[in-house]
N, C-alpha and C. Protein backbone atom coordinates (compact mmCIF):
# COMPACT_ATOMS: atom_id res chain seq x y z
N UNK A 1 89.93 66.64 -68.84
CA UNK A 1 90.52 66.54 -70.17
C UNK A 1 89.80 65.45 -70.95
N UNK A 2 89.33 65.80 -72.11
CA UNK A 2 88.64 64.85 -72.97
C UNK A 2 89.62 64.36 -74.03
N UNK A 3 89.82 63.05 -74.08
CA UNK A 3 90.75 62.47 -75.04
C UNK A 3 89.97 61.57 -75.98
N UNK A 4 90.18 61.77 -77.26
CA UNK A 4 89.52 60.93 -78.25
C UNK A 4 90.21 59.58 -78.29
N UNK A 5 89.45 58.56 -78.62
CA UNK A 5 89.97 57.18 -78.62
C UNK A 5 91.23 57.03 -79.48
N UNK A 6 91.24 57.68 -80.64
CA UNK A 6 92.40 57.54 -81.53
C UNK A 6 93.66 58.21 -80.98
N UNK A 7 93.50 59.17 -80.05
CA UNK A 7 94.65 59.84 -79.45
C UNK A 7 95.37 58.96 -78.44
N UNK A 8 94.67 57.97 -77.87
CA UNK A 8 95.28 57.11 -76.87
C UNK A 8 96.47 56.34 -77.42
N UNK A 9 96.42 55.95 -78.68
CA UNK A 9 97.54 55.21 -79.28
C UNK A 9 98.81 56.06 -79.28
N UNK A 10 98.69 57.32 -79.66
CA UNK A 10 99.85 58.24 -79.67
C UNK A 10 100.35 58.48 -78.25
N UNK A 11 99.43 58.68 -77.32
CA UNK A 11 99.81 58.91 -75.92
C UNK A 11 100.51 57.68 -75.37
N UNK A 12 100.01 56.50 -75.71
CA UNK A 12 100.63 55.26 -75.24
C UNK A 12 102.07 55.19 -75.72
N UNK A 13 102.33 55.55 -76.96
CA UNK A 13 103.69 55.53 -77.48
C UNK A 13 104.59 56.52 -76.73
N UNK A 14 104.06 57.70 -76.46
CA UNK A 14 104.85 58.70 -75.72
C UNK A 14 105.17 58.20 -74.31
N UNK A 15 104.22 57.54 -73.67
CA UNK A 15 104.46 57.00 -72.33
C UNK A 15 105.46 55.84 -72.37
N UNK A 16 105.40 55.04 -73.42
CA UNK A 16 106.38 53.96 -73.57
C UNK A 16 107.78 54.54 -73.73
N UNK A 17 107.91 55.61 -74.50
CA UNK A 17 109.21 56.28 -74.67
C UNK A 17 109.71 56.83 -73.33
N UNK A 18 108.81 57.38 -72.55
CA UNK A 18 109.16 57.91 -71.24
C UNK A 18 109.64 56.78 -70.32
N UNK A 19 108.96 55.65 -70.36
CA UNK A 19 109.36 54.50 -69.55
C UNK A 19 110.77 54.05 -69.93
N UNK A 20 111.05 54.06 -71.21
CA UNK A 20 112.38 53.67 -71.69
C UNK A 20 113.44 54.63 -71.15
N UNK A 21 113.15 55.92 -71.12
CA UNK A 21 114.07 56.92 -70.57
C UNK A 21 114.36 56.64 -69.09
N UNK A 22 113.38 56.09 -68.40
CA UNK A 22 113.53 55.76 -66.98
C UNK A 22 114.18 54.39 -66.76
N UNK A 23 114.53 53.72 -67.85
CA UNK A 23 115.18 52.43 -67.74
C UNK A 23 114.23 51.26 -67.52
N UNK A 24 112.97 51.46 -67.83
CA UNK A 24 111.97 50.40 -67.65
C UNK A 24 111.63 49.78 -69.00
N UNK A 25 111.36 48.49 -68.97
CA UNK A 25 110.92 47.77 -70.16
C UNK A 25 109.41 47.62 -70.08
N UNK A 26 108.71 47.96 -71.16
CA UNK A 26 107.27 47.82 -71.21
C UNK A 26 106.96 46.57 -72.04
N UNK A 27 106.21 45.65 -71.43
CA UNK A 27 105.85 44.41 -72.11
C UNK A 27 104.34 44.26 -72.15
N UNK A 28 103.84 43.83 -73.29
CA UNK A 28 102.42 43.56 -73.47
C UNK A 28 102.26 42.06 -73.54
N UNK A 29 101.52 41.49 -72.59
CA UNK A 29 101.36 40.04 -72.48
C UNK A 29 99.88 39.69 -72.37
N UNK A 30 99.55 38.48 -72.77
CA UNK A 30 98.19 37.97 -72.61
C UNK A 30 98.08 37.29 -71.25
N UNK A 31 96.92 37.38 -70.64
CA UNK A 31 96.71 36.71 -69.37
C UNK A 31 95.56 37.32 -68.60
N UNK A 32 95.32 36.75 -67.43
CA UNK A 32 94.24 37.20 -66.57
C UNK A 32 94.81 38.11 -65.49
N UNK A 33 95.19 39.32 -65.88
CA UNK A 33 95.77 40.29 -64.96
C UNK A 33 95.53 41.68 -65.51
N UNK A 34 95.67 42.68 -64.65
CA UNK A 34 95.52 44.07 -65.09
C UNK A 34 96.84 44.62 -65.59
N UNK A 35 97.88 44.45 -64.80
CA UNK A 35 99.20 44.94 -65.17
C UNK A 35 99.73 45.94 -64.17
N UNK A 36 100.98 46.32 -64.36
CA UNK A 36 101.60 47.30 -63.48
C UNK A 36 103.10 47.18 -63.49
N UNK A 37 103.72 47.84 -62.52
CA UNK A 37 105.17 47.94 -62.43
C UNK A 37 105.69 46.89 -61.46
N UNK A 38 106.84 46.28 -61.80
CA UNK A 38 107.49 45.36 -60.88
C UNK A 38 108.99 45.33 -61.16
N UNK A 39 109.72 44.78 -60.23
CA UNK A 39 111.16 44.56 -60.39
C UNK A 39 111.37 43.07 -60.60
N UNK A 40 112.15 42.72 -61.60
CA UNK A 40 112.48 41.33 -61.87
C UNK A 40 113.99 41.25 -61.99
N UNK A 41 114.63 40.69 -60.96
CA UNK A 41 116.09 40.60 -60.93
C UNK A 41 116.72 41.97 -61.20
N UNK A 42 116.26 42.96 -60.49
CA UNK A 42 116.74 44.34 -60.57
C UNK A 42 116.41 45.05 -61.89
N UNK A 43 115.64 44.43 -62.76
CA UNK A 43 115.18 45.07 -64.00
C UNK A 43 113.80 45.66 -63.77
N UNK A 44 113.61 46.90 -64.20
CA UNK A 44 112.30 47.55 -64.08
C UNK A 44 111.43 47.07 -65.24
N UNK A 45 110.31 46.46 -64.89
CA UNK A 45 109.41 45.91 -65.91
C UNK A 45 108.01 46.49 -65.68
N UNK A 46 107.38 46.90 -66.75
CA UNK A 46 105.97 47.31 -66.69
C UNK A 46 105.22 46.34 -67.60
N UNK A 47 104.34 45.57 -66.99
CA UNK A 47 103.56 44.58 -67.74
C UNK A 47 102.16 45.14 -67.95
N UNK A 48 101.69 45.05 -69.18
CA UNK A 48 100.35 45.54 -69.52
C UNK A 48 99.62 44.43 -70.26
N UNK A 49 98.36 44.24 -69.90
CA UNK A 49 97.56 43.21 -70.56
C UNK A 49 97.34 43.61 -72.02
N UNK A 50 97.79 42.74 -72.89
CA UNK A 50 97.70 42.96 -74.34
C UNK A 50 96.26 43.12 -74.81
N UNK A 51 95.32 42.51 -74.09
CA UNK A 51 93.92 42.50 -74.52
C UNK A 51 93.15 43.74 -74.04
N UNK A 52 93.76 44.58 -73.21
CA UNK A 52 93.09 45.79 -72.71
C UNK A 52 92.96 46.81 -73.83
N UNK A 53 91.96 47.69 -73.70
CA UNK A 53 91.82 48.75 -74.70
C UNK A 53 92.89 49.82 -74.46
N UNK A 54 93.06 50.73 -75.41
CA UNK A 54 94.12 51.73 -75.32
C UNK A 54 93.98 52.59 -74.07
N UNK A 55 92.77 52.96 -73.71
CA UNK A 55 92.59 53.80 -72.53
C UNK A 55 93.09 53.08 -71.28
N UNK A 56 92.77 51.81 -71.14
CA UNK A 56 93.21 51.02 -69.98
C UNK A 56 94.74 50.88 -69.98
N UNK A 57 95.32 50.67 -71.16
CA UNK A 57 96.78 50.55 -71.26
C UNK A 57 97.45 51.85 -70.81
N UNK A 58 96.89 52.97 -71.23
CA UNK A 58 97.43 54.27 -70.84
C UNK A 58 97.31 54.45 -69.33
N UNK A 59 96.19 54.05 -68.74
CA UNK A 59 96.00 54.18 -67.30
C UNK A 59 97.04 53.36 -66.53
N UNK A 60 97.27 52.14 -66.96
CA UNK A 60 98.23 51.26 -66.29
C UNK A 60 99.64 51.82 -66.41
N UNK A 61 99.99 52.24 -67.61
CA UNK A 61 101.33 52.78 -67.84
C UNK A 61 101.53 54.09 -67.08
N UNK A 62 100.53 54.94 -67.04
CA UNK A 62 100.61 56.20 -66.31
C UNK A 62 100.84 55.94 -64.81
N UNK A 63 100.11 54.99 -64.25
CA UNK A 63 100.27 54.66 -62.83
C UNK A 63 101.66 54.11 -62.56
N UNK A 64 102.16 53.28 -63.46
CA UNK A 64 103.50 52.70 -63.29
C UNK A 64 104.57 53.79 -63.36
N UNK A 65 104.41 54.72 -64.28
CA UNK A 65 105.39 55.80 -64.41
C UNK A 65 105.37 56.69 -63.17
N UNK A 66 104.21 56.93 -62.65
CA UNK A 66 104.09 57.73 -61.42
C UNK A 66 104.83 57.02 -60.29
N UNK A 67 104.70 55.70 -60.23
CA UNK A 67 105.37 54.90 -59.20
C UNK A 67 106.90 54.94 -59.39
N UNK A 68 107.34 55.01 -60.64
CA UNK A 68 108.78 55.07 -60.92
C UNK A 68 109.39 56.41 -60.54
N UNK A 69 108.57 57.44 -60.47
CA UNK A 69 109.05 58.76 -60.06
C UNK A 69 109.36 59.67 -61.23
N UNK A 70 108.37 60.39 -61.67
CA UNK A 70 108.53 61.30 -62.82
C UNK A 70 108.40 62.76 -62.41
N UNK A 71 108.30 63.01 -61.11
CA UNK A 71 108.05 64.37 -60.63
C UNK A 71 109.13 65.35 -61.08
N UNK A 72 110.38 64.91 -61.08
CA UNK A 72 111.50 65.80 -61.41
C UNK A 72 111.82 65.86 -62.90
N UNK A 73 111.15 65.06 -63.71
CA UNK A 73 111.42 65.02 -65.15
C UNK A 73 110.60 66.08 -65.86
N UNK A 74 111.16 66.54 -67.00
CA UNK A 74 110.36 67.44 -67.84
C UNK A 74 109.41 66.57 -68.65
N UNK A 75 108.15 66.90 -68.59
CA UNK A 75 107.12 66.26 -69.41
C UNK A 75 106.33 67.36 -70.08
N UNK A 76 105.88 67.10 -71.29
CA UNK A 76 105.04 68.10 -71.93
C UNK A 76 103.80 68.29 -71.06
N UNK A 77 103.24 69.48 -71.06
CA UNK A 77 102.05 69.73 -70.22
C UNK A 77 100.93 68.73 -70.49
N UNK A 78 100.74 68.36 -71.75
CA UNK A 78 99.67 67.42 -72.08
C UNK A 78 99.93 66.05 -71.45
N UNK A 79 101.16 65.55 -71.55
CA UNK A 79 101.49 64.24 -70.99
C UNK A 79 101.38 64.27 -69.47
N UNK A 80 101.85 65.35 -68.85
CA UNK A 80 101.74 65.46 -67.39
C UNK A 80 100.27 65.45 -66.98
N UNK A 81 99.43 66.17 -67.72
CA UNK A 81 98.00 66.21 -67.41
C UNK A 81 97.37 64.83 -67.59
N UNK A 82 97.75 64.13 -68.66
CA UNK A 82 97.22 62.78 -68.89
C UNK A 82 97.60 61.87 -67.73
N UNK A 83 98.86 61.91 -67.33
CA UNK A 83 99.30 61.05 -66.23
C UNK A 83 98.56 61.40 -64.94
N UNK A 84 98.48 62.67 -64.61
CA UNK A 84 97.81 63.08 -63.39
C UNK A 84 96.32 62.68 -63.38
N UNK A 85 95.64 62.88 -64.50
CA UNK A 85 94.22 62.55 -64.56
C UNK A 85 93.97 61.05 -64.62
N UNK A 86 94.78 60.34 -65.35
CA UNK A 86 94.57 58.89 -65.49
C UNK A 86 94.81 58.17 -64.17
N UNK A 87 95.83 58.59 -63.44
CA UNK A 87 96.14 57.92 -62.18
C UNK A 87 95.05 58.21 -61.15
N UNK A 88 94.54 59.44 -61.12
CA UNK A 88 93.48 59.80 -60.16
C UNK A 88 92.19 59.07 -60.50
N UNK A 89 91.89 58.93 -61.79
CA UNK A 89 90.60 58.34 -62.18
C UNK A 89 90.57 56.82 -62.06
N UNK A 90 91.70 56.20 -61.76
CA UNK A 90 91.75 54.74 -61.69
C UNK A 90 90.95 54.19 -60.57
């Protein structure tokens, strides 16, 4: 799947909405880290490096969502394909 750079912003928003449906908070922070999913006092948190490009942010968020368990959820075919491809290509 070929995704244009400008499409990543829209995909990122859709993935953030999906994370919210799963009860996870997505935070963009500065620092020397890649990012990912963690539990903080029983709260689901996905931290993403604010300085990463959109493609990297989508990759991190896709991997975190996969870890949270999205197999049983309805996802649009495009979003499911993005998640499957981004996580494999990491």
